């Protein structure tokens, strides 16, 4: 991966609705990781899922952390 693409990956951030989805949104947001809100926050508390970065009152997750989590799930290292 060249430097330009690496910087783009490192500068991506996701809000929770983008990660776990939101069926009620217009249009609905499909989940990247199909998990419920409570299980997501319990996973953060137990260290399974990445901690958010706070910008003011908004919680954001680094794109690189979410990509790594998805890879771990795909490899079978983590079951949700």
Foldseek 3Di string as FASTA:
>chain_A
DDPVVVVVQQPDKDAPCQACWDVPDVNTRHHPDPDDPVVQVVCCVVVNAPFFDDDDNGTIHRNVRSVVSSVCVVVVVDDD
